[in-house]
Amino acid sequence: MTTGQSGTSLRSGYHRNAPYTRVMKIRVVAFFLLAGVAPAWADLEVVPAETPQVVFAGGPAKAALILRNPDGDRREQELSIRIFQLSSATAMPIGERQPWKKVQMLGGQTVIGSVPVTLPEIRAATFFRIEVSSPDGVVARLPILACPRDLLQRLAAFGGETPVGIYDPEARLKPLLHEA
């Protein structure tokens, strides 16, 4: 039988950092649950976005949501939303849970929709999370990065007298700039 530096048997599978490793695994799982990467606990599934959605705060905004019914059966659920402001250690709810819509989906159907939200005025880029819930539990956790409404005006200050240009070959910013 061989022994490691700590004097424990290598065959037993126990390593001196095993308790630390378990704690780290729990922290990683907790992070993904807070970020919204966990699977849905209700009948509907959410197709997770690769990156947080970016919106301007201080007015009405829309967050994209893709729902999928993995079962062969038809599903009908009442959905509600709640907004949380995130920090490095906490998630603080903003207001009460609000009814959103009744969703009816056929078996195997995927629906692309948008969740209307109104985020408070902010001074710096801030992370929020929208929780979409059914009576059975949380269906989706949508991470949102909100930017201040006057962000583009602040950008102009860097240019001084020279106009600031924006390179947008796919025209993703054009609708947002027209709104702002």
N, C-alpha and C. Protein backbone atom coordinates (compact mmCIF):
# COMPACT_ATOMS: atom_id res chain seq x y z
N MET A 1 0.85 -1.17 0.00
CA MET A 1 0.00 0.00 0.00
C MET A 1 0.89 1.23 0.00
N THR A 2 0.58 2.19 -0.88
CA THR A 2 1.38 3.41 -0.96
C THR A 2 0.73 4.51 -0.13
N THR A 3 1.55 5.41 0.32
CA THR A 3 1.02 6.52 1.10
C THR A 3 1.44 7.82 0.46
N GLY A 4 0.60 8.84 0.62
CA GLY A 4 0.91 10.17 0.10
C GLY A 4 1.70 10.97 1.10
N GLN A 5 1.95 12.22 0.82
CA GLN A 5 2.72 13.08 1.71
C GLN A 5 2.03 13.29 3.03
N SER A 6 0.71 13.27 3.05
CA SER A 6 0.00 13.52 4.30
C SER A 6 -0.09 12.26 5.15
N GLY A 7 0.40 11.12 4.63
CA GLY A 7 0.39 9.90 5.40
C GLY A 7 -0.89 9.10 5.22
N THR A 8 -1.83 9.55 4.39
CA THR A 8 -3.07 8.80 4.18
C THR A 8 -2.90 7.89 2.98
N SER A 9 -3.66 6.86 2.93
CA SER A 9 -3.58 5.90 1.85
C SER A 9 -4.11 6.50 0.56
N LEU A 10 -3.38 6.34 -0.54
CA LEU A 10 -3.83 6.83 -1.83
C LEU A 10 -4.92 5.94 -2.41
N ARG A 11 -4.95 4.68 -2.00
CA ARG A 11 -5.97 3.77 -2.50
C ARG A 11 -7.33 4.06 -1.90
N SER A 12 -7.37 4.63 -0.72
CA SER A 12 -8.65 4.86 -0.05
C SER A 12 -9.47 5.93 -0.76
N GLY A 13 -8.82 6.74 -1.61
CA GLY A 13 -9.55 7.78 -2.32
C GLY A 13 -9.70 9.05 -1.51
N TYR A 14 -9.19 9.06 -0.29
CA TYR A 14 -9.30 10.26 0.54
C TYR A 14 -8.07 11.12 0.32
N HIS A 15 -8.28 12.34 0.11
CA HIS A 15 -7.20 13.29 -0.05
C HIS A 15 -7.35 14.34 1.02
N ARG A 16 -6.24 14.91 1.48
CA ARG A 16 -6.32 15.85 2.59
C ARG A 16 -7.13 17.10 2.23
N ASN A 17 -7.30 17.41 0.93
CA ASN A 17 -8.08 18.57 0.54
C ASN A 17 -9.52 18.19 0.18
N ALA A 18 -9.96 16.98 0.50
CA ALA A 18 -11.30 16.54 0.12
C ALA A 18 -12.39 17.42 0.71
N PRO A 19 -12.35 17.80 2.00
CA PRO A 19 -13.41 18.68 2.50
C PRO A 19 -13.41 20.03 1.78
N TYR A 20 -12.26 20.56 1.46
CA TYR A 20 -12.17 21.83 0.73
C TYR A 20 -12.76 21.67 -0.67
N THR A 21 -12.49 20.55 -1.33
CA THR A 21 -13.00 20.29 -2.66
C THR A 21 -14.52 20.21 -2.64
N ARG A 22 -15.11 19.56 -1.63
CA ARG A 22 -16.56 19.49 -1.52
C ARG A 22 -17.17 20.87 -1.35
N VAL A 23 -16.55 21.71 -0.53
CA VAL A 23 -17.04 23.07 -0.32
C VAL A 23 -16.99 23.86 -1.62
N MET A 24 -15.91 23.70 -2.39
CA MET A 24 -15.78 24.41 -3.66
C MET A 24 -16.86 23.94 -4.65
N LYS A 25 -17.15 22.64 -4.68
CA LYS A 25 -18.19 22.13 -5.57
C LYS A 25 -19.54 22.74 -5.19
N ILE A 26 -19.82 22.84 -3.91
CA ILE A 26 -21.08 23.44 -3.46
C ILE A 26 -21.15 24.90 -3.88
N ARG A 27 -20.04 25.64 -3.76
CA ARG A 27 -20.01 27.04 -4.16
C ARG A 27 -20.22 27.20 -5.66
N VAL A 28 -19.62 26.33 -6.46
CA VAL A 28 -19.78 26.40 -7.91
C VAL A 28 -21.23 26.14 -8.29
N VAL A 29 -21.85 25.11 -7.70
CA VAL A 29 -23.25 24.81 -7.98
C VAL A 29 -24.13 25.99 -7.57
N ALA A 30 -23.86 26.58 -6.41
CA ALA A 30 -24.65 27.74 -5.95
C ALA A 30 -24.51 28.91 -6.91
N PHE A 31 -23.30 29.14 -7.43
CA PHE A 31 -23.10 30.23 -8.39
C PHE A 31 -23.95 30.02 -9.63
N PHE A 32 -23.93 28.80 -10.18
CA PHE A 32 -24.71 28.53 -11.39
C PHE A 32 -26.20 28.63 -11.13
N LEU A 33 -26.64 28.25 -9.93
CA LEU A 33 -28.05 28.40 -9.61
C LEU A 33 -28.44 29.87 -9.58
N LEU A 34 -27.60 30.73 -8.97
CA LEU A 34 -27.88 32.16 -8.92
C LEU A 34 -27.82 32.79 -10.30
N ALA A 35 -26.94 32.30 -11.16
CA ALA A 35 -26.80 32.87 -12.50
C ALA A 35 -27.91 32.43 -13.44
N GLY A 36 -28.69 31.43 -13.05
CA GLY A 36 -29.81 31.01 -13.89
C GLY A 36 -29.45 29.92 -14.88
N VAL A 37 -28.36 29.21 -14.65
CA VAL A 37 -27.94 28.18 -15.59
C VAL A 37 -28.57 26.83 -15.24
N ALA A 38 -29.21 26.76 -14.09
CA ALA A 38 -29.79 25.49 -13.65
C ALA A 38 -30.99 25.12 -14.51
N PRO A 39 -31.30 23.83 -14.60
CA PRO A 39 -32.47 23.43 -15.36
C PRO A 39 -33.75 23.92 -14.69
N ALA A 40 -34.82 23.97 -15.43
CA ALA A 40 -36.10 24.44 -14.89
C ALA A 40 -36.67 23.38 -13.96
N TRP A 41 -37.38 23.83 -12.93
CA TRP A 41 -38.00 22.92 -11.98
C TRP A 41 -39.47 22.72 -12.28
N ALA A 42 -40.01 23.45 -13.20
CA ALA A 42 -41.42 23.31 -13.55
C ALA A 42 -41.53 22.46 -14.81
N ASP A 43 -42.72 22.40 -15.38
CA ASP A 43 -42.95 21.58 -16.56
C ASP A 43 -42.26 22.13 -17.80
N LEU A 44 -42.05 23.43 -17.88
CA LEU A 44 -41.42 24.04 -19.04
C LEU A 44 -39.92 24.20 -18.83
N GLU A 45 -39.18 24.15 -19.92
CA GLU A 45 -37.72 24.37 -19.87
C GLU A 45 -37.41 25.70 -20.52
N VAL A 46 -36.28 26.26 -20.13
CA VAL A 46 -35.81 27.51 -20.72
C VAL A 46 -34.53 27.23 -21.47
N VAL A 47 -34.43 27.78 -22.67
CA VAL A 47 -33.19 27.69 -23.43
C VAL A 47 -32.33 28.85 -22.93
N PRO A 48 -31.23 28.57 -22.22
CA PRO A 48 -30.44 29.65 -21.61
C PRO A 48 -29.69 30.46 -22.66
N ALA A 49 -29.57 31.76 -22.38
CA ALA A 49 -28.80 32.65 -23.24
C ALA A 49 -27.32 32.47 -22.94
N GLU A 50 -26.48 32.70 -23.94
CA GLU A 50 -25.04 32.54 -23.74
C GLU A 50 -24.46 33.67 -22.92
N THR A 51 -25.01 34.87 -23.04
CA THR A 51 -24.53 36.04 -22.31
C THR A 51 -25.73 36.77 -21.72
N PRO A 52 -25.50 37.58 -20.67
CA PRO A 52 -26.62 38.37 -20.14
C PRO A 52 -27.12 39.36 -21.19
N GLN A 53 -28.41 39.63 -21.17
CA GLN A 53 -28.98 40.61 -22.07
C GLN A 53 -28.67 42.01 -21.55
N VAL A 54 -28.48 42.95 -22.46
CA VAL A 54 -28.13 44.31 -22.08
C VAL A 54 -29.29 45.22 -22.45
N VAL A 55 -29.75 46.03 -21.48
CA VAL A 55 -30.85 46.96 -21.70
C VAL A 55 -30.49 48.29 -21.04
N PHE A 56 -31.23 49.34 -21.41
CA PHE A 56 -31.11 50.63 -20.73
C PHE A 56 -32.12 50.65 -19.58
N ALA A 57 -31.67 51.11 -18.41
CA ALA A 57 -32.53 51.17 -17.23
C ALA A 57 -33.30 52.49 -17.22
N GLY A 58 -34.26 52.60 -16.30
CA GLY A 58 -35.00 53.83 -16.13
C GLY A 58 -36.21 53.96 -17.02
N GLY A 59 -36.58 52.93 -17.70
CA GLY A 59 -37.74 52.97 -18.58
C GLY A 59 -38.15 51.57 -18.95
N PRO A 60 -39.17 51.44 -19.77
CA PRO A 60 -39.59 50.09 -20.17
C PRO A 60 -38.53 49.42 -21.04
N ALA A 61 -38.35 48.14 -20.79
CA ALA A 61 -37.39 47.33 -21.56
C ALA A 61 -38.00 45.94 -21.76
N LYS A 62 -37.41 45.17 -22.64
CA LYS A 62 -37.87 43.81 -22.89
C LYS A 62 -36.69 42.85 -22.81
N ALA A 63 -36.91 41.73 -22.15
CA ALA A 63 -35.90 40.67 -22.05
C ALA A 63 -36.40 39.47 -22.84
N ALA A 64 -35.55 38.94 -23.70
CA ALA A 64 -35.92 37.79 -24.53
C ALA A 64 -35.99 36.52 -23.68
N LEU A 65 -36.94 35.66 -24.02
CA LEU A 65 -37.14 34.41 -23.29
C LEU A 65 -37.53 33.33 -24.29
N ILE A 66 -36.85 32.17 -24.23
CA ILE A 66 -37.17 31.05 -25.10
C ILE A 66 -37.62 29.89 -24.20
N LEU A 67 -38.88 29.51 -24.31
CA LEU A 67 -39.46 28.41 -23.54
C LEU A 67 -39.65 27.20 -24.43
N ARG A 68 -39.45 26.02 -23.85
CA ARG A 68 -39.63 24.76 -24.59
C ARG A 68 -40.43 23.80 -23.72
N ASN A 69 -41.36 23.10 -24.35
CA ASN A 69 -42.12 22.07 -23.68
C ASN A 69 -41.50 20.72 -24.07
N PRO A 70 -40.73 20.08 -23.19
CA PRO A 70 -40.04 18.85 -23.57
C PRO A 70 -40.96 17.63 -23.64
N ASP A 71 -42.12 17.70 -23.02
CA ASP A 71 -43.03 16.56 -22.99
C ASP A 71 -43.86 16.48 -24.26
N GLY A 72 -44.50 15.36 -24.47
CA GLY A 72 -45.41 15.19 -25.59
C GLY A 72 -46.80 15.73 -25.28
N ASP A 73 -47.04 16.08 -24.00
CA ASP A 73 -48.35 16.57 -23.58
C ASP A 73 -48.45 18.08 -23.71
N ARG A 74 -49.66 18.55 -23.86
CA ARG A 74 -49.92 19.99 -23.91
C ARG A 74 -49.80 20.56 -22.49
N ARG A 75 -49.17 21.72 -22.35
CA ARG A 75 -48.99 22.36 -21.05
C ARG A 75 -49.63 23.74 -21.06
N GLU A 76 -50.22 24.08 -19.94
CA GLU A 76 -50.81 25.40 -19.77
C GLU A 76 -50.41 25.88 -18.37
N GLN A 77 -49.76 27.04 -18.31
CA GLN A 77 -49.31 27.54 -17.01
C GLN A 77 -49.46 29.05 -16.93
N GLU A 78 -49.80 29.50 -15.73
CA GLU A 78 -49.82 30.93 -15.42
C GLU A 78 -48.41 31.30 -14.99
N LEU A 79 -47.84 32.32 -15.63
CA LEU A 79 -46.48 32.74 -15.30
C LEU A 79 -46.50 34.13 -14.66
N SER A 80 -45.60 34.33 -13.72
CA SER A 80 -45.43 35.63 -13.07
C SER A 80 -43.95 35.97 -13.09
N ILE A 81 -43.64 37.27 -12.89
CA ILE A 81 -42.24 37.70 -12.90
C ILE A 81 -41.92 38.49 -11.63
N ARG A 82 -40.65 38.47 -11.28
CA ARG A 82 -40.13 39.26 -10.17
C ARG A 82 -38.72 39.66 -10.52
N ILE A 83 -38.36 40.91 -10.23
CA ILE A 83 -37.05 41.45 -10.57
C ILE A 83 -36.19 41.51 -9.31
N PHE A 84 -34.93 41.11 -9.45
CA PHE A 84 -33.95 41.17 -8.36
C PHE A 84 -32.76 42.00 -8.82
N GLN A 85 -32.26 42.86 -7.94
CA GLN A 85 -31.01 43.57 -8.21
C GLN A 85 -29.90 42.75 -7.57
N LEU A 86 -28.86 42.47 -8.36
CA LEU A 86 -27.78 41.60 -7.89
C LEU A 86 -26.57 42.41 -7.47
N SER A 87 -25.88 41.91 -6.46
CA SER A 87 -24.57 42.43 -6.08
C SER A 87 -23.65 41.23 -5.98
N SER A 88 -22.46 41.43 -5.50
CA SER A 88 -21.52 40.31 -5.43
C SER A 88 -21.95 39.25 -4.43
N ALA A 89 -22.79 39.62 -3.45
CA ALA A 89 -23.15 38.66 -2.42
C ALA A 89 -24.65 38.49 -2.22
N THR A 90 -25.47 39.39 -2.74
CA THR A 90 -26.90 39.32 -2.46
C THR A 90 -27.73 39.50 -3.72
N ALA A 91 -28.97 39.09 -3.61
CA ALA A 91 -29.98 39.33 -4.64
C ALA A 91 -31.17 39.96 -3.93
N MET A 92 -31.38 41.25 -4.15
CA MET A 92 -32.43 42.00 -3.46
C MET A 92 -33.65 42.15 -4.36
N PRO A 93 -34.83 41.68 -3.91
CA PRO A 93 -36.01 41.83 -4.75
C PRO A 93 -36.43 43.29 -4.89
N ILE A 94 -36.90 43.64 -6.08
CA ILE A 94 -37.41 44.98 -6.35
C ILE A 94 -38.91 44.82 -6.56
N GLY A 95 -39.69 45.20 -5.61
CA GLY A 95 -41.13 45.09 -5.73
C GLY A 95 -41.64 43.67 -5.51
N GLU A 96 -42.93 43.51 -5.73
CA GLU A 96 -43.59 42.22 -5.52
C GLU A 96 -43.63 41.42 -6.82
N ARG A 97 -43.95 40.15 -6.69
CA ARG A 97 -44.14 39.29 -7.85
C ARG A 97 -45.38 39.79 -8.60
N GLN A 98 -45.28 39.88 -9.94
CA GLN A 98 -46.36 40.41 -10.76
C GLN A 98 -46.83 39.34 -11.74
N PRO A 99 -48.15 39.17 -11.90
CA PRO A 99 -48.61 38.22 -12.92
C PRO A 99 -48.18 38.71 -14.30
N TRP A 100 -47.80 37.77 -15.16
CA TRP A 100 -47.31 38.15 -16.47
C TRP A 100 -48.24 37.66 -17.57
N LYS A 101 -48.30 36.35 -17.79
CA LYS A 101 -49.18 35.83 -18.84
C LYS A 101 -49.45 34.35 -18.63
N LYS A 102 -50.48 33.89 -19.34
CA LYS A 102 -50.83 32.47 -19.35
C LYS A 102 -50.25 31.88 -20.63
N VAL A 103 -49.43 30.84 -20.48
CA VAL A 103 -48.76 30.23 -21.63
C VAL A 103 -49.40 28.87 -21.90
N GLN A 104 -49.74 28.64 -23.17
CA GLN A 104 -50.26 27.35 -23.61
C GLN A 104 -49.32 26.83 -24.68
N MET A 105 -48.75 25.64 -24.44
CA MET A 105 -47.77 25.08 -25.36
C MET A 105 -48.11 23.64 -25.69
N LEU A 106 -47.99 23.30 -26.96
CA LEU A 106 -48.17 21.92 -27.40
C LEU A 106 -46.93 21.12 -27.05
N GLY A 107 -47.02 19.81 -27.09
CA GLY A 107 -45.89 18.94 -26.81
C GLY A 107 -44.76 19.17 -27.81
N GLY A 108 -43.54 19.37 -27.30
CA GLY A 108 -42.37 19.58 -28.15
C GLY A 108 -42.26 20.98 -28.74
N GLN A 109 -43.17 21.87 -28.40
CA GLN A 109 -43.17 23.22 -28.97
C GLN A 109 -42.16 24.12 -28.26
N THR A 110 -41.56 25.02 -29.04
CA THR A 110 -40.66 26.04 -28.51
C THR A 110 -41.25 27.40 -28.83
N VAL A 111 -41.28 28.28 -27.84
CA VAL A 111 -41.87 29.61 -27.99
C VAL A 111 -40.81 30.66 -27.68
N ILE A 112 -40.69 31.65 -28.56
CA ILE A 112 -39.78 32.78 -28.34
C ILE A 112 -40.64 33.97 -27.97
N GLY A 113 -40.37 34.57 -26.83
CA GLY A 113 -41.15 35.71 -26.36
C GLY A 113 -40.27 36.74 -25.69
N SER A 114 -40.91 37.75 -25.16
CA SER A 114 -40.17 38.78 -24.44
C SER A 114 -40.92 39.13 -23.16
N VAL A 115 -40.14 39.39 -22.11
CA VAL A 115 -40.69 39.74 -20.81
C VAL A 115 -40.56 41.25 -20.64
N PRO A 116 -41.67 41.98 -20.47
CA PRO A 116 -41.57 43.43 -20.28
C PRO A 116 -41.16 43.74 -18.84
N VAL A 117 -40.16 44.58 -18.69
CA VAL A 117 -39.69 44.98 -17.37
C VAL A 117 -39.43 46.48 -17.35
N THR A 118 -39.53 47.06 -16.17
CA THR A 118 -39.14 48.45 -15.95
C THR A 118 -38.13 48.44 -14.83
N LEU A 119 -36.90 48.78 -15.15
CA LEU A 119 -35.82 48.79 -14.17
C LEU A 119 -35.65 50.20 -13.62
N PRO A 120 -35.22 50.33 -12.36
CA PRO A 120 -35.05 51.66 -11.78
C PRO A 120 -33.88 52.40 -12.41
N GLU A 121 -33.85 53.73 -12.23
CA GLU A 121 -32.72 54.54 -12.69
C GLU A 121 -31.46 54.08 -11.95
N ILE A 122 -30.35 54.03 -12.67
CA ILE A 122 -29.08 53.64 -12.07
C ILE A 122 -28.00 54.60 -12.54
N ARG A 123 -26.87 54.65 -11.84
CA ARG A 123 -25.76 55.54 -12.21
C ARG A 123 -24.63 54.81 -12.89
N ALA A 124 -24.55 53.51 -12.68
CA ALA A 124 -23.48 52.69 -13.28
C ALA A 124 -24.10 51.38 -13.75
N ALA A 125 -23.40 50.67 -14.61
CA ALA A 125 -23.89 49.38 -15.10
C ALA A 125 -24.17 48.46 -13.91
N THR A 126 -25.34 47.84 -13.90
CA THR A 126 -25.79 47.04 -12.76
C THR A 126 -26.42 45.76 -13.28
N PHE A 127 -26.15 44.66 -12.58
CA PHE A 127 -26.76 43.38 -12.94
C PHE A 127 -28.09 43.21 -12.23
N PHE A 128 -29.08 42.72 -12.97
CA PHE A 128 -30.39 42.38 -12.45
C PHE A 128 -30.70 40.95 -12.87
N ARG A 129 -31.71 40.36 -12.24
CA ARG A 129 -32.18 39.04 -12.63
C ARG A 129 -33.70 39.06 -12.63
N ILE A 130 -34.29 38.53 -13.69
CA ILE A 130 -35.73 38.40 -13.78
C ILE A 130 -36.06 36.95 -13.52
N GLU A 131 -36.88 36.69 -12.51
CA GLU A 131 -37.34 35.33 -12.24
C GLU A 131 -38.74 35.16 -12.80
N VAL A 132 -38.88 34.18 -13.67
CA VAL A 132 -40.18 33.83 -14.22
C VAL A 132 -40.64 32.58 -13.48
N SER A 133 -41.82 32.65 -12.85
CA SER A 133 -42.29 31.55 -12.02
C SER A 133 -43.66 31.08 -12.46
N SER A 134 -43.92 29.81 -12.17
CA SER A 134 -45.25 29.23 -12.32
C SER A 134 -45.67 28.78 -10.92
N PRO A 135 -46.89 28.32 -10.72
CA PRO A 135 -47.27 27.82 -9.39
C PRO A 135 -46.41 26.65 -8.94
N ASP A 136 -45.79 25.92 -9.90
CA ASP A 136 -44.95 24.78 -9.55
C ASP A 136 -43.55 25.17 -9.11
N GLY A 137 -43.10 26.38 -9.42
CA GLY A 137 -41.75 26.80 -9.05
C GLY A 137 -41.17 27.76 -10.08
N VAL A 138 -39.88 28.01 -9.95
CA VAL A 138 -39.19 28.93 -10.85
C VAL A 138 -38.97 28.25 -12.19
N VAL A 139 -39.38 28.92 -13.26
CA VAL A 139 -39.22 28.40 -14.61
C VAL A 139 -37.93 28.92 -15.22
N ALA A 140 -37.61 30.20 -14.99
CA ALA A 140 -36.43 30.80 -15.62
C ALA A 140 -35.84 31.87 -14.73
N ARG A 141 -34.53 32.01 -14.84
CA ARG A 141 -33.79 33.11 -14.22
C ARG A 141 -33.01 33.77 -15.34
N LEU A 142 -33.41 34.98 -15.70
CA LEU A 142 -32.81 35.69 -16.83
C LEU A 142 -31.86 36.76 -16.32
N PRO A 143 -30.55 36.61 -16.56
CA PRO A 143 -29.61 37.66 -16.15
C PRO A 143 -29.69 38.84 -17.10
N ILE A 144 -29.69 40.05 -16.55
CA ILE A 144 -29.80 41.28 -17.32
C ILE A 144 -28.70 42.23 -16.86
N LEU A 145 -28.02 42.86 -17.80
CA LEU A 145 -27.08 43.93 -17.49
C LEU A 145 -27.75 45.23 -17.90
N ALA A 146 -28.03 46.09 -16.94
CA ALA A 146 -28.68 47.36 -17.22
C ALA A 146 -27.64 48.47 -17.24
N CYS A 147 -27.75 49.33 -18.24
CA CYS A 147 -26.85 50.48 -18.38
C CYS A 147 -27.65 51.76 -18.14
N PRO A 148 -26.98 52.81 -17.65
CA PRO A 148 -27.69 54.09 -17.44
C PRO A 148 -28.18 54.65 -18.77
N ARG A 149 -29.29 55.37 -18.75
CA ARG A 149 -29.87 55.96 -19.96
C ARG A 149 -28.93 56.97 -20.60
N ASP A 150 -28.17 57.68 -19.79
CA ASP A 150 -27.29 58.73 -20.33
C ASP A 150 -25.90 58.22 -20.67
N LEU A 151 -25.75 56.93 -20.84
CA LEU A 151 -24.45 56.34 -21.13
C LEU A 151 -23.85 56.89 -22.42
N LEU A 152 -24.67 57.07 -23.45
CA LEU A 152 -24.17 57.58 -24.71
C LEU A 152 -23.77 59.05 -24.62
N GLN A 153 -24.46 59.83 -23.78
CA GLN A 153 -24.09 61.22 -23.58
C GLN A 153 -22.74 61.32 -22.88
N ARG A 154 -22.48 60.42 -21.95
CA ARG A 154 -21.18 60.39 -21.27
C ARG A 154 -20.08 60.03 -22.25
N LEU A 155 -20.38 59.18 -23.21
CA LEU A 155 -19.41 58.78 -24.21
C LEU A 155 -18.99 59.97 -25.06
N ALA A 156 -19.90 60.86 -25.35
CA ALA A 156 -19.60 62.04 -26.16
C ALA A 156 -18.59 62.94 -25.47
N ALA A 157 -18.54 62.92 -24.14
CA ALA A 157 -17.58 63.75 -23.41
C ALA A 157 -16.14 63.32 -23.70
N PHE A 158 -15.93 62.04 -24.00
CA PHE A 158 -14.59 61.56 -24.32
C PHE A 158 -14.09 62.09 -25.67
N GLY A 159 -15.00 62.31 -26.59
CA GLY A 159 -14.62 62.77 -27.92
C GLY A 159 -14.31 64.25 -27.99
N GLY A 160 -14.78 65.02 -27.01
CA GLY A 160 -14.58 66.46 -27.03
C GLY A 160 -15.29 67.06 -28.23
N GLU A 161 -14.56 67.78 -29.09
CA GLU A 161 -15.14 68.40 -30.28
C GLU A 161 -15.29 67.41 -31.43
N THR A 162 -14.56 66.28 -31.36
CA THR A 162 -14.60 65.28 -32.43
C THR A 162 -15.83 64.38 -32.23
N PRO A 163 -16.65 64.18 -33.26
CA PRO A 163 -17.81 63.30 -33.09
C PRO A 163 -17.37 61.85 -32.85
N VAL A 164 -18.16 61.14 -32.08
CA VAL A 164 -17.89 59.74 -31.75
C VAL A 164 -18.63 58.86 -32.75
N GLY A 165 -17.94 57.88 -33.30
CA GLY A 165 -18.55 56.95 -34.25
C GLY A 165 -18.73 55.59 -33.60
N ILE A 166 -19.74 54.87 -34.06
CA ILE A 166 -20.01 53.52 -33.55
C ILE A 166 -20.01 52.56 -34.72
N TYR A 167 -19.21 51.51 -34.62
CA TYR A 167 -19.14 50.48 -35.65
C TYR A 167 -20.14 49.39 -35.30
N ASP A 168 -21.16 49.23 -36.12
CA ASP A 168 -22.24 48.28 -35.86
C ASP A 168 -22.64 47.59 -37.18
N PRO A 169 -21.80 46.65 -37.68
CA PRO A 169 -22.06 46.05 -38.99
C PRO A 169 -23.33 45.21 -39.05
N GLU A 170 -23.78 44.66 -37.92
CA GLU A 170 -24.97 43.82 -37.91
C GLU A 170 -26.23 44.59 -37.52
N ALA A 171 -26.11 45.91 -37.35
CA ALA A 171 -27.23 46.80 -37.01
C ALA A 171 -27.96 46.37 -35.74
N ARG A 172 -27.22 45.92 -34.75
CA ARG A 172 -27.83 45.55 -33.47
C ARG A 172 -28.08 46.77 -32.59
N LEU A 173 -27.22 47.77 -32.69
CA LEU A 173 -27.35 48.96 -31.85
C LEU A 173 -28.32 49.99 -32.43
N LYS A 174 -28.54 49.95 -33.72
CA LYS A 174 -29.35 50.97 -34.39
C LYS A 174 -30.74 51.14 -33.74
N PRO A 175 -31.51 50.05 -33.48
CA PRO A 175 -32.82 50.25 -32.85
C PRO A 175 -32.70 50.86 -31.45
N LEU A 176 -31.68 50.48 -30.69
CA LEU A 176 -31.51 51.03 -29.35
C LEU A 176 -31.15 52.51 -29.40
N LEU A 177 -30.34 52.89 -30.36
CA LEU A 177 -29.96 54.29 -30.48
C LEU A 177 -31.15 55.15 -30.89
N HIS A 178 -32.03 54.62 -31.72
CA HIS A 178 -33.23 55.37 -32.11
C HIS A 178 -34.15 55.56 -30.90
N GLU A 179 -34.25 54.55 -30.02
CA GLU A 179 -35.06 54.67 -28.80
C GLU A 179 -34.47 55.70 -27.86
N ALA A 180 -33.14 55.69 -27.71
CA ALA A 180 -32.48 56.58 -26.75
C ALA A 180 -32.50 57.99 -27.29
